[in-house]
Amino acid sequence: MSKSLVFEARSRAPIPATELFAWHAREGALARLTPPWERMELLERTGDGIHPGARVVMRMRMGPIPRRWVAEHTAYVEGSLFQDTQVSGPFSKWVHTHQIG
């Protein structure tokens, strides 16, 4: 039986929640969120931004080994929530939920 690891973090931003959500919804948010030292390359993007069904394919390095990571947006509530889930990649399971507000 495998155990799941859950990581939860909260951050405060000095802007209204509507602005923060809009920042994440704008084109290029993944690139803006990726630290410059991370070796991540966006290979493909399909779908409508952060709405369910939108998908990104990335290549990233975990140590010296390049890994392909496919994530799909699976939930969306205008102005307050979006979620992406790993379709394939380096983790046995990965669900990333952004709840704003």
N, C-alpha and C. Protein backbone atom coordinates (compact mmCIF):
# COMPACT_ATOMS: atom_id res chain seq x y z
N MET A 1 0.84 -1.17 0.00
CA MET A 1 0.00 0.00 0.00
C MET A 1 0.89 1.24 0.00
N SER A 2 0.64 2.16 -0.93
CA SER A 2 1.43 3.38 -0.99
C SER A 2 0.73 4.50 -0.22
N LYS A 3 1.51 5.37 0.33
CA LYS A 3 0.97 6.51 1.06
C LYS A 3 1.00 7.73 0.17
N SER A 4 0.02 8.59 0.35
CA SER A 4 -0.02 9.84 -0.40
C SER A 4 0.57 10.95 0.45
N LEU A 5 1.27 11.84 -0.21
CA LEU A 5 1.82 13.00 0.44
C LEU A 5 0.98 14.19 0.02
N VAL A 6 0.51 14.96 0.98
CA VAL A 6 -0.28 16.14 0.69
C VAL A 6 0.52 17.35 1.16
N PHE A 7 0.69 18.29 0.25
CA PHE A 7 1.39 19.53 0.58
C PHE A 7 0.38 20.66 0.43
N GLU A 8 0.24 21.47 1.45
CA GLU A 8 -0.67 22.60 1.40
C GLU A 8 0.08 23.85 1.81
N ALA A 9 -0.09 24.90 1.03
CA ALA A 9 0.56 26.18 1.34
C ALA A 9 -0.42 27.30 1.10
N ARG A 10 -0.30 28.33 1.88
CA ARG A 10 -1.14 29.52 1.74
C ARG A 10 -0.22 30.73 1.60
N SER A 11 -0.62 31.64 0.74
CA SER A 11 0.14 32.87 0.54
C SER A 11 -0.81 34.05 0.55
N ARG A 12 -0.34 35.16 1.06
CA ARG A 12 -1.11 36.41 1.00
C ARG A 12 -0.53 37.25 -0.12
N ALA A 13 -1.40 37.88 -0.87
CA ALA A 13 -0.97 38.78 -1.93
C ALA A 13 -1.57 40.16 -1.68
N PRO A 14 -0.80 41.20 -1.91
CA PRO A 14 -1.28 42.55 -1.62
C PRO A 14 -2.17 43.14 -2.73
N ILE A 15 -2.96 42.29 -3.37
CA ILE A 15 -3.86 42.73 -4.43
C ILE A 15 -5.21 42.04 -4.24
N PRO A 16 -6.26 42.58 -4.82
CA PRO A 16 -7.58 41.93 -4.71
C PRO A 16 -7.56 40.54 -5.37
N ALA A 17 -8.38 39.64 -4.82
CA ALA A 17 -8.46 38.27 -5.34
C ALA A 17 -8.81 38.24 -6.82
N THR A 18 -9.65 39.15 -7.28
CA THR A 18 -10.03 39.16 -8.70
C THR A 18 -8.82 39.44 -9.59
N GLU A 19 -7.94 40.33 -9.16
CA GLU A 19 -6.72 40.61 -9.93
C GLU A 19 -5.77 39.42 -9.93
N LEU A 20 -5.66 38.77 -8.79
CA LEU A 20 -4.78 37.61 -8.69
C LEU A 20 -5.27 36.48 -9.59
N PHE A 21 -6.57 36.24 -9.58
CA PHE A 21 -7.13 35.19 -10.44
C PHE A 21 -6.89 35.55 -11.91
N ALA A 22 -7.12 36.81 -12.27
CA ALA A 22 -6.92 37.24 -13.65
C ALA A 22 -5.46 37.07 -14.08
N TRP A 23 -4.52 37.31 -13.17
CA TRP A 23 -3.09 37.14 -13.46
C TRP A 23 -2.80 35.69 -13.83
N HIS A 24 -3.38 34.75 -13.08
CA HIS A 24 -3.19 33.33 -13.37
C HIS A 24 -3.88 32.92 -14.66
N ALA A 25 -4.99 33.56 -14.98
CA ALA A 25 -5.76 33.19 -16.17
C ALA A 25 -5.15 33.75 -17.46
N ARG A 26 -4.31 34.79 -17.35
CA ARG A 26 -3.69 35.38 -18.54
C ARG A 26 -2.68 34.44 -19.17
N GLU A 27 -2.57 34.54 -20.48
CA GLU A 27 -1.58 33.78 -21.25
C GLU A 27 -0.18 33.95 -20.65
N GLY A 28 0.57 32.88 -20.55
CA GLY A 28 1.94 32.94 -20.07
C GLY A 28 2.14 32.79 -18.59
N ALA A 29 1.08 32.48 -17.84
CA ALA A 29 1.21 32.36 -16.38
C ALA A 29 2.21 31.27 -15.98
N LEU A 30 2.20 30.14 -16.69
CA LEU A 30 3.13 29.05 -16.34
C LEU A 30 4.57 29.53 -16.44
N ALA A 31 4.90 30.24 -17.51
CA ALA A 31 6.26 30.77 -17.67
C ALA A 31 6.58 31.79 -16.58
N ARG A 32 5.61 32.64 -16.22
CA ARG A 32 5.85 33.63 -15.17
C ARG A 32 6.04 32.98 -13.81
N LEU A 33 5.39 31.84 -13.59
CA LEU A 33 5.48 31.16 -12.29
C LEU A 33 6.71 30.27 -12.16
N THR A 34 7.32 29.90 -13.27
CA THR A 34 8.47 28.98 -13.23
C THR A 34 9.74 29.75 -12.89
N PRO A 35 10.41 29.37 -11.81
CA PRO A 35 11.65 30.07 -11.43
C PRO A 35 12.70 29.92 -12.53
N PRO A 36 13.57 30.92 -12.70
CA PRO A 36 14.55 30.87 -13.78
C PRO A 36 15.54 29.71 -13.67
N TRP A 37 15.77 29.18 -12.47
CA TRP A 37 16.72 28.08 -12.31
C TRP A 37 16.10 26.72 -12.67
N GLU A 38 14.78 26.66 -12.77
CA GLU A 38 14.13 25.41 -13.17
C GLU A 38 14.33 25.21 -14.66
N ARG A 39 14.76 24.04 -15.04
CA ARG A 39 14.96 23.76 -16.46
C ARG A 39 13.70 23.09 -17.00
N MET A 40 12.73 23.93 -17.32
CA MET A 40 11.45 23.45 -17.82
C MET A 40 11.20 24.06 -19.19
N GLU A 41 10.77 23.20 -20.11
CA GLU A 41 10.48 23.65 -21.46
C GLU A 41 9.03 23.30 -21.78
N LEU A 42 8.26 24.27 -22.20
CA LEU A 42 6.88 24.03 -22.61
C LEU A 42 6.91 23.50 -24.04
N LEU A 43 6.42 22.28 -24.23
CA LEU A 43 6.45 21.64 -25.55
C LEU A 43 5.15 21.86 -26.32
N GLU A 44 4.04 21.87 -25.60
CA GLU A 44 2.74 21.96 -26.27
C GLU A 44 1.70 22.49 -25.31
N ARG A 45 0.77 23.26 -25.84
CA ARG A 45 -0.36 23.75 -25.04
C ARG A 45 -1.60 23.64 -25.91
N THR A 46 -2.66 23.06 -25.38
CA THR A 46 -3.91 22.95 -26.12
C THR A 46 -5.06 23.36 -25.20
N GLY A 47 -6.17 23.75 -25.79
CA GLY A 47 -7.34 24.08 -25.00
C GLY A 47 -7.42 25.55 -24.66
N ASP A 48 -8.34 25.85 -23.76
CA ASP A 48 -8.69 27.23 -23.41
C ASP A 48 -8.10 27.62 -22.06
N GLY A 49 -6.86 28.08 -22.06
CA GLY A 49 -6.24 28.63 -20.86
C GLY A 49 -6.24 27.68 -19.67
N ILE A 50 -6.96 28.08 -18.61
CA ILE A 50 -7.00 27.27 -17.38
C ILE A 50 -8.36 26.58 -17.21
N HIS A 51 -9.13 26.50 -18.28
CA HIS A 51 -10.44 25.85 -18.23
C HIS A 51 -10.28 24.34 -18.37
N PRO A 52 -11.23 23.56 -17.84
CA PRO A 52 -11.15 22.10 -17.94
C PRO A 52 -10.92 21.64 -19.38
N GLY A 53 -10.02 20.68 -19.50
CA GLY A 53 -9.67 20.13 -20.80
C GLY A 53 -8.41 20.74 -21.40
N ALA A 54 -8.04 21.94 -20.96
CA ALA A 54 -6.79 22.55 -21.44
C ALA A 54 -5.63 21.70 -20.93
N ARG A 55 -4.62 21.55 -21.77
CA ARG A 55 -3.53 20.64 -21.44
C ARG A 55 -2.19 21.27 -21.77
N VAL A 56 -1.18 20.97 -20.96
CA VAL A 56 0.19 21.38 -21.26
C VAL A 56 1.08 20.15 -21.24
N VAL A 57 2.05 20.15 -22.13
CA VAL A 57 3.08 19.12 -22.17
C VAL A 57 4.40 19.83 -21.95
N MET A 58 5.14 19.39 -20.95
CA MET A 58 6.39 20.03 -20.58
C MET A 58 7.52 19.01 -20.56
N ARG A 59 8.72 19.49 -20.69
CA ARG A 59 9.90 18.67 -20.46
C ARG A 59 10.67 19.35 -19.35
N MET A 60 11.00 18.59 -18.33
CA MET A 60 11.75 19.14 -17.22
C MET A 60 12.84 18.16 -16.83
N ARG A 61 13.80 18.64 -16.13
CA ARG A 61 14.89 17.76 -15.69
C ARG A 61 14.73 17.47 -14.21
N MET A 62 14.87 16.22 -13.90
CA MET A 62 14.94 15.79 -12.50
C MET A 62 16.33 15.21 -12.35
N GLY A 63 17.24 16.06 -11.88
CA GLY A 63 18.65 15.69 -11.92
C GLY A 63 19.10 15.74 -13.37
N PRO A 64 19.88 14.77 -13.81
CA PRO A 64 20.36 14.79 -15.19
C PRO A 64 19.37 14.21 -16.21
N ILE A 65 18.25 13.72 -15.73
CA ILE A 65 17.32 13.00 -16.61
C ILE A 65 16.15 13.89 -17.03
N PRO A 66 15.97 14.07 -18.34
CA PRO A 66 14.79 14.83 -18.79
C PRO A 66 13.53 13.99 -18.64
N ARG A 67 12.47 14.61 -18.17
CA ARG A 67 11.18 13.91 -17.98
C ARG A 67 10.09 14.68 -18.69
N ARG A 68 9.19 13.96 -19.30
CA ARG A 68 8.03 14.55 -19.94
C ARG A 68 6.90 14.58 -18.92
N TRP A 69 6.19 15.70 -18.85
CA TRP A 69 5.12 15.86 -17.88
C TRP A 69 3.91 16.41 -18.62
N VAL A 70 2.79 15.72 -18.52
CA VAL A 70 1.55 16.15 -19.15
C VAL A 70 0.55 16.44 -18.04
N ALA A 71 0.01 17.66 -18.05
CA ALA A 71 -0.98 18.06 -17.04
C ALA A 71 -2.21 18.62 -17.75
N GLU A 72 -3.36 18.34 -17.18
CA GLU A 72 -4.62 18.80 -17.75
C GLU A 72 -5.41 19.55 -16.69
N HIS A 73 -6.01 20.66 -17.09
CA HIS A 73 -6.88 21.39 -16.15
C HIS A 73 -8.18 20.61 -16.00
N THR A 74 -8.58 20.42 -14.75
CA THR A 74 -9.71 19.53 -14.45
C THR A 74 -10.84 20.19 -13.69
N ALA A 75 -10.63 21.40 -13.19
CA ALA A 75 -11.71 22.11 -12.48
C ALA A 75 -11.50 23.60 -12.65
N TYR A 76 -12.62 24.33 -12.65
CA TYR A 76 -12.56 25.78 -12.83
C TYR A 76 -13.81 26.40 -12.25
N VAL A 77 -13.62 27.40 -11.39
CA VAL A 77 -14.72 28.21 -10.88
C VAL A 77 -14.26 29.65 -11.08
N GLU A 78 -14.92 30.36 -11.98
CA GLU A 78 -14.54 31.73 -12.34
C GLU A 78 -14.25 32.58 -11.10
N GLY A 79 -13.05 33.14 -11.07
CA GLY A 79 -12.68 34.06 -10.01
C GLY A 79 -12.22 33.45 -8.71
N SER A 80 -12.32 32.11 -8.57
CA SER A 80 -11.95 31.56 -7.27
C SER A 80 -11.16 30.26 -7.27
N LEU A 81 -11.22 29.46 -8.33
CA LEU A 81 -10.55 28.16 -8.25
C LEU A 81 -10.21 27.63 -9.63
N PHE A 82 -9.04 27.02 -9.74
CA PHE A 82 -8.71 26.20 -10.90
C PHE A 82 -7.80 25.08 -10.43
N GLN A 83 -7.80 23.99 -11.18
CA GLN A 83 -7.07 22.79 -10.75
C GLN A 83 -6.44 22.14 -11.97
N ASP A 84 -5.22 21.65 -11.81
CA ASP A 84 -4.60 20.85 -12.85
C ASP A 84 -4.15 19.53 -12.26
N THR A 85 -4.23 18.50 -13.09
CA THR A 85 -3.97 17.13 -12.67
C THR A 85 -2.98 16.49 -13.64
N GLN A 86 -2.02 15.77 -13.10
CA GLN A 86 -1.05 15.08 -13.94
C GLN A 86 -1.74 13.95 -14.70
N VAL A 87 -1.54 13.94 -16.01
CA VAL A 87 -2.00 12.84 -16.86
C VAL A 87 -0.89 11.79 -16.94
N SER A 88 0.34 12.26 -17.13
CA SER A 88 1.51 11.39 -17.08
C SER A 88 2.69 12.25 -16.65
N GLY A 89 3.63 11.62 -15.97
CA GLY A 89 4.77 12.38 -15.50
C GLY A 89 5.50 11.71 -14.37
N PRO A 90 6.26 12.50 -13.62
CA PRO A 90 7.19 11.95 -12.64
C PRO A 90 6.56 11.45 -11.33
N PHE A 91 5.29 11.75 -11.08
CA PHE A 91 4.68 11.38 -9.80
C PHE A 91 3.66 10.28 -9.99
N SER A 92 3.41 9.50 -8.94
CA SER A 92 2.37 8.47 -9.04
C SER A 92 0.99 9.13 -9.11
N LYS A 93 0.84 10.28 -8.46
CA LYS A 93 -0.40 11.07 -8.53
C LYS A 93 -0.04 12.51 -8.21
N TRP A 94 -0.64 13.44 -8.94
CA TRP A 94 -0.38 14.85 -8.71
C TRP A 94 -1.63 15.64 -9.08
N VAL A 95 -2.20 16.33 -8.09
CA VAL A 95 -3.36 17.20 -8.29
C VAL A 95 -3.01 18.53 -7.63
N HIS A 96 -3.11 19.60 -8.40
CA HIS A 96 -2.69 20.92 -7.94
C HIS A 96 -3.88 21.86 -8.00
N THR A 97 -4.37 22.29 -6.85
CA THR A 97 -5.55 23.15 -6.78
C THR A 97 -5.15 24.53 -6.31
N HIS A 98 -5.59 25.54 -7.07
CA HIS A 98 -5.39 26.94 -6.69
C HIS A 98 -6.75 27.47 -6.25
N GLN A 99 -6.87 27.83 -5.00
CA GLN A 99 -8.11 28.42 -4.50
C GLN A 99 -7.77 29.85 -4.09
N ILE A 100 -8.46 30.79 -4.71
CA ILE A 100 -8.14 32.21 -4.52
C ILE A 100 -9.35 32.91 -3.92
N GLY A 101 -9.11 33.64 -2.86
CA GLY A 101 -10.19 34.40 -2.26
C GLY A 101 -10.49 34.03 -0.84
